[in-house]
Amino acid sequence: MSTGATETREAPSLAAMLDPAVLADPYPLYKELRDHSPVHWDPMLHSWIVTGYGEVLKVLHEFSARCAPSPGELERMGLGELAPAAELLVKQMLFLDPPDHTRLRALASSAFTTGRVEAMRDQIQSITDELLDAAIPRKRIEMLAEFAEPLPCIVTAIVLGVPIEDYHRLKDWSVDFAQILSNLQLDPESAAARVPSVNEMVAYFERAVSRPKSESRPGLVEWLKNAEVNGDRLSGEEVIANLIITMVGAQETTTNLIACGLLSLLRNPEQLEKLRAHPELMKPAVEELLRYESPSQKTSRKAFQEVEVGGKRIRPGENVIAIMAAANRDPLRFPEPDRLDIERPDNRHLAFGWARHFCFGAPLARIEAEIAFSSILRRMPGLRLEDQTIEWREHMGLRGLKALHLAFD
């Protein structure tokens, strides 16, 4: 077995993700990494890179999520200005292991139930129709700015229980926080520049959580404040930290799912027309779009103890980057993985993660996507790209577009 200290690197570094050509299509890079070895050491990132489906599944099941840098670690790295972000990260479910994660997840799940999500369908449909109404007379739409961004932002404001008119601020904070999460290792200066945004965001949620009951409105702010399991409750800091990670995930991934999903359908017109003709295929279509262009491309973990993955020995404490998007294109798991197939059987993709850290907001994202795609295909016949120039966001972790200009009949 190889170890990170001794392995000879032949594969390119995952740092190539920030190259514009790779951002446009990262899947050849993922294939090259997977073909080289589904588990290999990247000395540039000081991490193991895991790209095979079975290997990623093992990492998601068995490795520690406590990989966010602590305030003290950032101080030692000369990045003390990022301490406000670190204070949040270490209290978020995303970066916790049992028993802390188990406790937080149970409390959060008691507040954000499946019934509450399902009850929002009519409201989400109404928001969707209102946003599309503005574009229908013009026969064209910039899908990001006019629909794919505002829909999940407005829905998120309602879910949180904050004023809907604040959704622009929520979006700006989400973009900044997601950028810190994804690019801290490669671009710490950019992350540091977003600290004022983090401070504003924290102050906003501190005010929201401290509102008296007489001024509160239904939503996750109040539900988390009042959540109780066996007499246990969340602290104020835990409420704020997990409101923020829920806000970021609810906006960024759903926006990317809608925009990238539409682009994938437009680039595969036979699949688009099949879905238009058979709307009953919408649920499996959403799952295939999640697999084909995963909104969240990767996640980080650490080894609890020395363990073998894919024939490589990973030592305790070593960093591991599990690339779900690469696993979702692994031919050992998905036949013809680079083909979009909205009727793909046995589509157990990893776009929402797996095991105990399976995405908390997945049910809401699925409902929003189903309503969005159904409404767009129904109301926008002849949908097509108006501008063939596609620009992707400079982001290692999230797969997103800068704009998507469409026309229709």
Protein backbone atom coordinates (compact mmCIF):
# COMPACT_ATOMS: atom_id res chain seq x y z
CA MET A 1 0.00 0.00 0.00
CA SER A 2 1.13 3.56 -0.72
CA THR A 3 1.09 6.50 1.65
CA GLY A 4 0.92 10.23 1.01
CA ALA A 5 4.54 10.67 2.01
CA THR A 6 5.91 8.16 -0.49
CA GLU A 7 3.55 8.17 -3.48
CA THR A 8 4.97 9.51 -6.75
CA ARG A 9 2.51 11.91 -8.31
CA GLU A 10 1.76 11.40 -11.99
CA ALA A 11 -1.76 12.75 -12.11
CA PRO A 12 -2.49 16.49 -12.41
CA SER A 13 -3.45 18.38 -9.28
CA LEU A 14 -7.06 19.03 -8.44
CA ALA A 15 -5.94 22.67 -8.23
CA ALA A 16 -6.37 22.68 -12.03
CA MET A 17 -10.09 23.10 -11.29
CA LEU A 18 -9.66 26.88 -11.31
CA ASP A 19 -8.43 26.82 -14.93
CA PRO A 20 -11.29 28.26 -17.08
CA ALA A 21 -11.11 25.34 -19.52
CA VAL A 22 -11.41 22.83 -16.67
CA LEU A 23 -14.23 24.81 -15.05
CA ALA A 24 -16.11 24.57 -18.35
CA ASP A 25 -15.81 20.77 -18.31
CA PRO A 26 -14.17 19.18 -15.26
CA TYR A 27 -15.16 15.63 -16.16
CA PRO A 28 -12.11 14.81 -18.33
CA LEU A 29 -9.93 15.85 -15.37
CA TYR A 30 -11.98 13.69 -13.02
CA LYS A 31 -11.65 10.77 -15.43
CA GLU A 32 -7.89 11.25 -15.67
CA LEU A 33 -7.62 11.33 -11.88
CA ARG A 34 -9.83 8.25 -11.51
CA ASP A 35 -8.00 6.34 -14.25
CA HIS A 36 -4.64 7.20 -12.65
CA SER A 37 -5.94 5.91 -9.32
CA PRO A 38 -9.30 6.35 -7.60
CA VAL A 39 -7.29 7.32 -4.51
CA HIS A 40 -4.07 9.32 -4.84
CA TRP A 41 -2.04 11.90 -2.96
CA ASP A 42 -2.03 15.52 -4.21
CA PRO A 43 1.04 17.25 -2.76
CA MET A 44 -0.13 20.67 -3.93
CA LEU A 45 -3.29 20.42 -1.85
CA HIS A 46 -1.72 18.24 0.87
CA SER A 47 -4.70 15.92 0.54
CA TRP A 48 -5.80 12.54 -0.72
CA ILE A 49 -8.04 12.88 -3.78
CA VAL A 50 -10.78 10.23 -3.99
CA THR A 51 -12.71 9.86 -7.27
CA GLY A 52 -14.12 6.29 -7.47
CA TYR A 53 -17.73 5.65 -6.46
CA GLY A 54 -16.99 2.87 -4.00
CA GLU A 55 -14.06 4.75 -2.52
CA VAL A 56 -16.02 8.00 -2.11
CA LEU A 57 -18.84 6.05 -0.47
CA LYS A 58 -16.35 4.59 2.05
CA VAL A 59 -14.99 8.05 2.84
CA LEU A 60 -18.48 9.50 3.36
CA HIS A 61 -19.40 6.58 5.63
CA GLU A 62 -16.26 6.21 7.72
CA PHE A 63 -14.18 9.40 7.81
CA SER A 64 -14.38 12.40 10.11
CA ALA A 65 -16.16 15.58 9.02
CA ARG A 66 -14.17 17.66 11.52
CA CYS A 67 -12.04 19.19 8.81
CA ALA A 68 -12.89 22.88 9.15
CA PRO A 69 -9.93 24.93 10.43
CA SER A 70 -10.34 26.18 13.98
CA PRO A 71 -9.74 29.86 14.83
CA GLY A 72 -6.45 28.84 16.46
CA GLU A 73 -5.27 26.99 13.33
CA LEU A 74 -6.06 30.02 11.18
CA GLU A 75 -4.10 32.25 13.57
CA ARG A 76 -1.08 29.98 13.19
CA MET A 77 -1.46 30.17 9.39
CA GLY A 78 -1.45 33.97 9.51
CA LEU A 79 -5.15 34.09 8.64
CA GLY A 80 -6.54 35.33 11.93
CA GLU A 81 -8.94 37.65 10.11
CA LEU A 82 -10.90 34.55 9.09
CA ALA A 83 -11.63 33.62 12.72
CA PRO A 84 -15.29 34.82 12.48
CA ALA A 85 -15.94 32.28 9.72
CA ALA A 86 -14.11 29.55 11.64
CA GLU A 87 -16.20 30.18 14.75
CA LEU A 88 -19.26 29.36 12.66
CA LEU A 89 -17.82 26.35 10.84
CA VAL A 90 -16.93 24.40 13.96
CA LYS A 91 -20.55 24.60 15.20
CA GLN A 92 -22.24 23.57 11.94
CA MET A 93 -23.64 20.07 11.39
CA LEU A 94 -21.63 19.81 8.19
CA PHE A 95 -18.37 19.72 10.16
CA LEU A 96 -19.33 17.59 13.15
CA ASP A 97 -19.10 13.89 14.01
CA PRO A 98 -21.19 11.82 16.43
CA PRO A 99 -22.24 12.35 19.12
CA ASP A 100 -22.27 16.12 18.47
CA HIS A 101 -23.59 15.68 14.94
CA THR A 102 -26.23 13.18 16.07
CA ARG A 103 -27.51 15.62 18.69
CA LEU A 104 -27.64 18.60 16.32
CA ARG A 105 -29.21 16.61 13.49
CA ALA A 106 -31.95 15.28 15.77
CA LEU A 107 -32.81 18.77 17.02
CA ALA A 108 -32.75 20.27 13.51
CA SER A 109 -34.83 17.43 12.08
CA SER A 110 -37.45 17.93 14.77
CA ALA A 111 -37.75 21.55 13.62
CA PHE A 112 -37.55 21.14 9.83
CA THR A 113 -39.89 18.22 9.16
CA THR A 114 -40.88 16.59 5.88
CA GLY A 115 -44.45 17.73 6.50
CA ARG A 116 -43.39 21.35 6.71
CA VAL A 117 -41.49 21.03 3.44
CA GLU A 118 -44.38 19.32 1.63
CA ALA A 119 -46.76 22.01 2.86
CA MET A 120 -44.78 24.59 0.86
CA ARG A 121 -45.53 23.12 -2.60
CA ASP A 122 -48.35 25.53 -3.46
CA GLN A 123 -46.34 28.50 -2.21
CA ILE A 124 -43.30 27.47 -4.27
CA GLN A 125 -45.51 27.04 -7.35
CA SER A 126 -46.95 30.54 -6.82
CA ILE A 127 -43.47 32.10 -6.55
CA THR A 128 -42.36 30.18 -9.65
CA ASP A 129 -45.33 31.39 -11.69
CA GLU A 130 -44.83 34.99 -10.61
CA LEU A 131 -41.17 34.98 -11.61
CA LEU A 132 -41.91 33.38 -15.00
CA ASP A 133 -44.83 35.76 -15.65
CA ALA A 134 -42.37 38.65 -15.90
CA ALA A 135 -40.40 36.96 -18.69
CA ILE A 136 -43.17 35.36 -20.76
CA PRO A 137 -44.16 38.51 -22.74
CA ARG A 138 -40.52 39.16 -23.73
CA LYS A 139 -39.90 35.60 -25.02
CA ARG A 140 -36.48 35.62 -23.42
CA ILE A 141 -34.99 35.29 -19.95
CA GLU A 142 -31.65 35.48 -18.21
CA MET A 143 -32.32 32.36 -16.22
CA LEU A 144 -29.87 33.00 -13.38
CA ALA A 145 -30.77 36.57 -12.44
CA GLU A 146 -34.47 36.33 -13.23
CA PHE A 147 -35.37 32.88 -11.95
CA ALA A 148 -32.77 30.35 -10.76
CA GLU A 149 -31.35 32.72 -8.16
CA PRO A 150 -34.48 34.50 -6.85
CA LEU A 151 -36.65 31.38 -6.56
CA PRO A 152 -34.54 29.56 -3.94
CA CYS A 153 -33.63 32.88 -2.29
CA ILE A 154 -37.29 33.82 -1.75
CA VAL A 155 -38.15 30.28 -0.65
CA THR A 156 -35.20 30.32 1.76
CA ALA A 157 -36.35 33.61 3.32
CA ILE A 158 -39.79 32.06 3.89
CA VAL A 159 -38.27 28.87 5.32
CA LEU A 160 -36.07 30.86 7.69
CA GLY A 161 -38.90 33.14 8.75
CA VAL A 162 -37.15 36.40 7.84
CA PRO A 163 -38.58 39.24 5.68
CA ILE A 164 -38.88 38.19 2.04
CA GLU A 165 -37.51 41.57 0.94
CA ASP A 166 -34.19 40.61 2.55
CA TYR A 167 -33.60 37.82 0.02
CA HIS A 168 -31.01 39.85 -1.95
CA ARG A 169 -28.91 40.21 1.20
CA LEU A 170 -29.26 36.50 1.96
CA LYS A 171 -28.01 35.71 -1.55
CA ASP A 172 -24.96 37.98 -1.27
CA TRP A 173 -24.01 36.47 2.09
CA SER A 174 -24.49 32.94 0.77
CA VAL A 175 -22.20 33.57 -2.20
CA ASP A 176 -19.48 35.00 0.04
CA PHE A 177 -19.71 32.24 2.64
CA ALA A 178 -19.73 29.51 0.00
CA GLN A 179 -16.64 31.07 -1.57
CA ILE A 180 -14.84 30.91 1.78
CA LEU A 181 -15.88 27.27 2.26
CA SER A 182 -14.68 26.17 -1.16
CA ASN A 183 -11.59 28.22 -1.97
CA LEU A 184 -9.96 28.86 1.41
CA GLN A 185 -7.09 26.48 0.72
CA LEU A 186 -6.17 27.89 -2.69
CA ASP A 187 -7.23 31.52 -2.37
CA PRO A 188 -7.03 32.68 1.28
CA GLU A 189 -6.79 36.36 0.28
CA SER A 190 -10.13 36.19 -1.50
CA ALA A 191 -11.62 34.49 1.54
CA ALA A 192 -10.24 37.16 3.87
CA ALA A 193 -11.83 39.88 1.76
CA ARG A 194 -15.24 38.39 2.55
CA VAL A 195 -14.91 38.63 6.33
CA PRO A 196 -16.96 41.87 6.57
CA SER A 197 -19.79 40.05 4.78
CA VAL A 198 -19.61 37.21 7.32
CA ASN A 199 -19.75 39.71 10.18
CA GLU A 200 -22.85 41.37 8.69
CA MET A 201 -24.51 37.99 8.22
CA VAL A 202 -23.84 36.91 11.81
CA ALA A 203 -25.16 40.22 13.18
CA TYR A 204 -28.32 39.83 11.08
CA PHE A 205 -29.08 36.37 12.45
CA GLU A 206 -28.21 37.42 16.00
CA ARG A 207 -30.93 40.05 15.71
CA ALA A 208 -33.35 37.54 14.19
CA VAL A 209 -32.77 34.99 16.95
CA SER A 210 -33.10 37.58 19.71
CA ARG A 211 -36.47 38.92 18.46
CA PRO A 212 -39.17 38.65 21.11
CA LYS A 213 -41.90 36.10 20.49
CA SER A 214 -44.39 38.86 19.75
CA GLU A 215 -42.31 39.92 16.72
CA SER A 216 -41.47 36.44 15.44
CA ARG A 217 -42.89 34.75 12.36
CA PRO A 218 -43.14 31.05 11.47
CA GLY A 219 -39.88 29.63 10.18
CA LEU A 220 -36.62 27.92 10.96
CA VAL A 221 -35.39 30.75 13.22
CA GLU A 222 -38.21 30.09 15.65
CA TRP A 223 -38.33 26.33 15.06
CA LEU A 224 -34.64 25.89 15.90
CA LYS A 225 -34.89 28.22 18.90
CA ASN A 226 -37.72 26.10 20.29
CA ALA A 227 -36.53 22.66 19.14
CA GLU A 228 -36.25 20.20 22.02
CA VAL A 229 -35.37 16.50 22.16
CA ASN A 230 -35.36 14.77 25.54
CA GLY A 231 -35.00 18.11 27.30
CA ASP A 232 -32.01 19.15 25.17
CA ARG A 233 -32.05 22.44 23.25
CA LEU A 234 -29.69 24.28 20.92
CA SER A 235 -27.55 27.14 22.21
CA GLY A 236 -27.93 30.56 20.57
CA GLU A 237 -24.59 30.11 18.78
CA GLU A 238 -25.64 26.69 17.48
CA VAL A 239 -28.91 28.13 16.17
CA ILE A 240 -27.11 30.90 14.29
CA ALA A 241 -24.39 28.65 12.87
CA ASN A 242 -26.88 26.12 11.53
CA LEU A 243 -29.29 28.75 10.21
CA ILE A 244 -26.38 30.02 8.14
CA ILE A 245 -25.30 26.67 6.71
CA THR A 246 -28.94 25.87 5.91
CA MET A 247 -29.31 29.24 4.17
CA VAL A 248 -26.17 28.74 2.09
CA GLY A 249 -27.02 25.20 1.06
CA ALA A 250 -30.65 26.00 0.29
CA GLN A 251 -29.70 28.78 -2.10
CA GLU A 252 -26.44 27.85 -3.79
CA THR A 253 -27.11 24.21 -4.63
CA THR A 254 -30.70 24.73 -5.79
CA THR A 255 -29.74 27.65 -8.03
CA ASN A 256 -27.05 25.49 -9.61
CA LEU A 257 -29.35 22.50 -9.98
CA ILE A 258 -31.93 24.56 -11.89
CA ALA A 259 -29.49 26.46 -14.14
CA CYS A 260 -27.07 23.61 -14.87
CA GLY A 261 -29.96 21.19 -15.24
CA LEU A 262 -31.56 23.37 -17.91
CA LEU A 263 -28.26 23.71 -19.73
CA SER A 264 -27.80 19.93 -19.65
CA LEU A 265 -31.28 19.41 -21.11
CA LEU A 266 -30.65 22.00 -23.84
CA ARG A 267 -27.39 20.25 -24.75
CA ASN A 268 -29.31 16.95 -24.92
CA PRO A 269 -32.44 17.96 -26.87
CA GLU A 270 -33.76 14.43 -27.24
CA GLN A 271 -33.89 14.15 -23.44
CA LEU A 272 -35.53 17.57 -23.15
CA GLU A 273 -38.24 16.61 -25.63
CA LYS A 274 -38.78 13.25 -23.90
CA LEU A 275 -39.29 15.06 -20.60
CA ARG A 276 -41.61 17.61 -22.18
CA ALA A 277 -43.69 14.78 -23.70
CA HIS A 278 -43.63 12.67 -20.51
CA PRO A 279 -43.85 14.96 -17.47
CA GLU A 280 -44.38 11.88 -15.30
CA LEU A 281 -40.61 11.33 -15.69
CA MET A 282 -39.82 14.51 -13.75
CA LYS A 283 -38.73 12.81 -10.51
CA PRO A 284 -36.17 10.46 -12.15
CA ALA A 285 -35.12 13.32 -14.44
CA VAL A 286 -34.22 15.50 -11.44
CA GLU A 287 -32.17 12.63 -9.99
CA GLU A 288 -30.31 12.19 -13.27
CA LEU A 289 -29.61 15.92 -13.54
CA LEU A 290 -28.22 15.79 -9.99
CA ARG A 291 -25.94 12.92 -10.99
CA TYR A 292 -24.91 14.36 -14.35
CA GLU A 293 -24.02 17.88 -13.14
CA SER A 294 -23.77 17.65 -9.36
CA PRO A 295 -24.34 21.13 -7.84
CA SER A 296 -21.94 20.29 -5.01
CA GLN A 297 -18.85 18.70 -6.52
CA LYS A 298 -16.75 17.70 -3.52
CA THR A 299 -16.45 17.54 0.24
CA SER A 300 -13.55 17.23 2.67
CA ARG A 301 -12.93 14.65 5.39
CA LYS A 302 -10.14 13.46 7.71
CA ALA A 303 -9.09 9.96 8.67
CA PHE A 304 -10.07 8.93 12.22
CA GLN A 305 -7.37 6.27 12.21
CA GLU A 306 -5.06 4.52 9.76
CA VAL A 307 -7.23 3.00 7.08
CA GLU A 308 -6.90 1.50 3.61
CA VAL A 309 -8.97 2.97 0.79
CA GLY A 310 -8.48 1.87 -2.80
CA GLY A 311 -5.21 0.14 -1.93
CA LYS A 312 -3.72 3.26 -0.31
CA ARG A 313 -2.88 3.63 3.37
CA ILE A 314 -4.28 6.87 4.78
CA ARG A 315 -2.82 7.95 8.12
CA PRO A 316 -4.77 9.41 11.05
CA GLY A 317 -5.48 13.11 10.56
CA GLU A 318 -4.62 13.22 6.85
CA ASN A 319 -6.94 15.31 4.67
CA VAL A 320 -9.18 13.62 2.13
CA ILE A 321 -11.14 15.33 -0.66
CA ALA A 322 -14.02 13.15 -1.84
CA ILE A 323 -15.23 14.23 -5.29
CA MET A 324 -18.88 13.22 -5.50
CA ALA A 325 -19.14 14.55 -9.07
CA ALA A 326 -16.38 12.18 -10.17
CA ALA A 327 -17.99 9.26 -8.34
CA ASN A 328 -21.25 10.08 -10.12
CA ARG A 329 -19.46 9.55 -13.47
CA ASP A 330 -17.70 6.33 -12.43
CA PRO A 331 -18.32 3.72 -15.20
CA LEU A 332 -17.95 0.93 -12.63
CA ARG A 333 -21.18 2.19 -11.05
CA PHE A 334 -23.06 3.96 -13.85
CA PRO A 335 -23.10 2.49 -17.39
CA GLU A 336 -22.30 5.15 -19.99
CA PRO A 337 -21.80 7.72 -17.23
CA ASP A 338 -21.25 10.66 -19.58
CA ARG A 339 -24.66 10.15 -21.21
CA LEU A 340 -27.68 12.00 -19.84
CA ASP A 341 -30.53 9.51 -19.41
CA ILE A 342 -33.61 10.76 -17.58
CA GLU A 343 -34.85 7.16 -17.28
CA ARG A 344 -31.60 5.83 -15.82
CA PRO A 345 -32.36 2.90 -13.49
CA ASP A 346 -30.73 2.36 -10.08
CA ASN A 347 -29.55 5.97 -9.91
CA ARG A 348 -28.05 6.03 -6.41
CA HIS A 349 -25.96 9.15 -6.99
CA LEU A 350 -23.95 10.97 -4.32
CA ALA A 351 -24.92 14.55 -5.23
CA PHE A 352 -26.47 15.10 -1.80
CA GLY A 353 -23.72 13.20 0.00
CA TRP A 354 -24.46 10.00 1.90
CA ALA A 355 -24.92 8.49 5.34
CA ARG A 356 -25.20 10.78 8.36
CA HIS A 357 -24.22 13.92 6.42
CA PHE A 358 -26.81 13.44 3.68
CA CYS A 359 -27.98 16.93 2.71
CA PHE A 360 -30.41 18.30 5.28
CA GLY A 361 -32.27 20.35 2.64
CA ALA A 362 -32.49 17.67 -0.09
CA PRO A 363 -36.32 17.28 0.09
CA LEU A 364 -36.81 21.04 -0.39
CA ALA A 365 -34.29 21.20 -3.27
CA ARG A 366 -36.03 18.32 -5.04
CA ILE A 367 -39.46 19.95 -4.74
CA GLU A 368 -38.16 23.30 -6.02
CA ALA A 369 -36.43 21.62 -8.97
CA GLU A 370 -39.48 19.54 -9.91
CA ILE A 371 -41.74 22.60 -9.86
CA ALA A 372 -39.18 24.78 -11.68
CA PHE A 373 -38.46 22.36 -14.53
CA SER A 374 -42.13 21.41 -14.96
CA SER A 375 -43.22 25.04 -15.11
CA ILE A 376 -40.45 26.12 -17.48
CA LEU A 377 -41.03 23.28 -19.93
CA ARG A 378 -44.80 23.82 -19.84
CA ARG A 379 -44.70 27.60 -20.27
CA MET A 380 -41.66 28.10 -22.50
CA PRO A 381 -42.01 26.11 -25.74
CA GLY A 382 -39.07 26.11 -28.13
CA LEU A 383 -36.64 26.84 -25.30
CA ARG A 384 -33.13 27.48 -26.65
CA LEU A 385 -29.83 29.15 -25.90
CA GLU A 386 -29.82 32.79 -26.96
CA ASP A 387 -26.13 33.25 -26.18
CA GLN A 388 -23.85 30.28 -26.86
CA THR A 389 -21.11 31.75 -24.65
CA ILE A 390 -21.25 29.93 -21.31
CA GLU A 391 -19.21 31.19 -18.35
CA TRP A 392 -18.76 29.14 -15.20
CA ARG A 393 -18.18 30.42 -11.68
CA GLU A 394 -14.60 30.21 -10.36
CA HIS A 395 -15.44 27.71 -7.67
CA MET A 396 -13.81 24.42 -6.73
CA GLY A 397 -16.74 23.08 -4.78
CA LEU A 398 -19.91 24.35 -6.43
CA ARG A 399 -20.79 23.79 -10.09
CA GLY A 400 -22.52 26.98 -11.20
CA LEU A 401 -23.03 29.34 -14.13
CA LYS A 402 -22.52 33.09 -14.22
CA ALA A 403 -25.45 33.60 -16.61
CA LEU A 404 -27.79 31.63 -18.87
CA HIS A 405 -29.48 33.64 -21.64
CA LEU A 406 -32.46 31.76 -23.12
CA ALA A 407 -35.12 32.47 -25.71
CA PHE A 408 -38.42 30.69 -26.35
CA ASP A 409 -41.49 30.86 -28.59
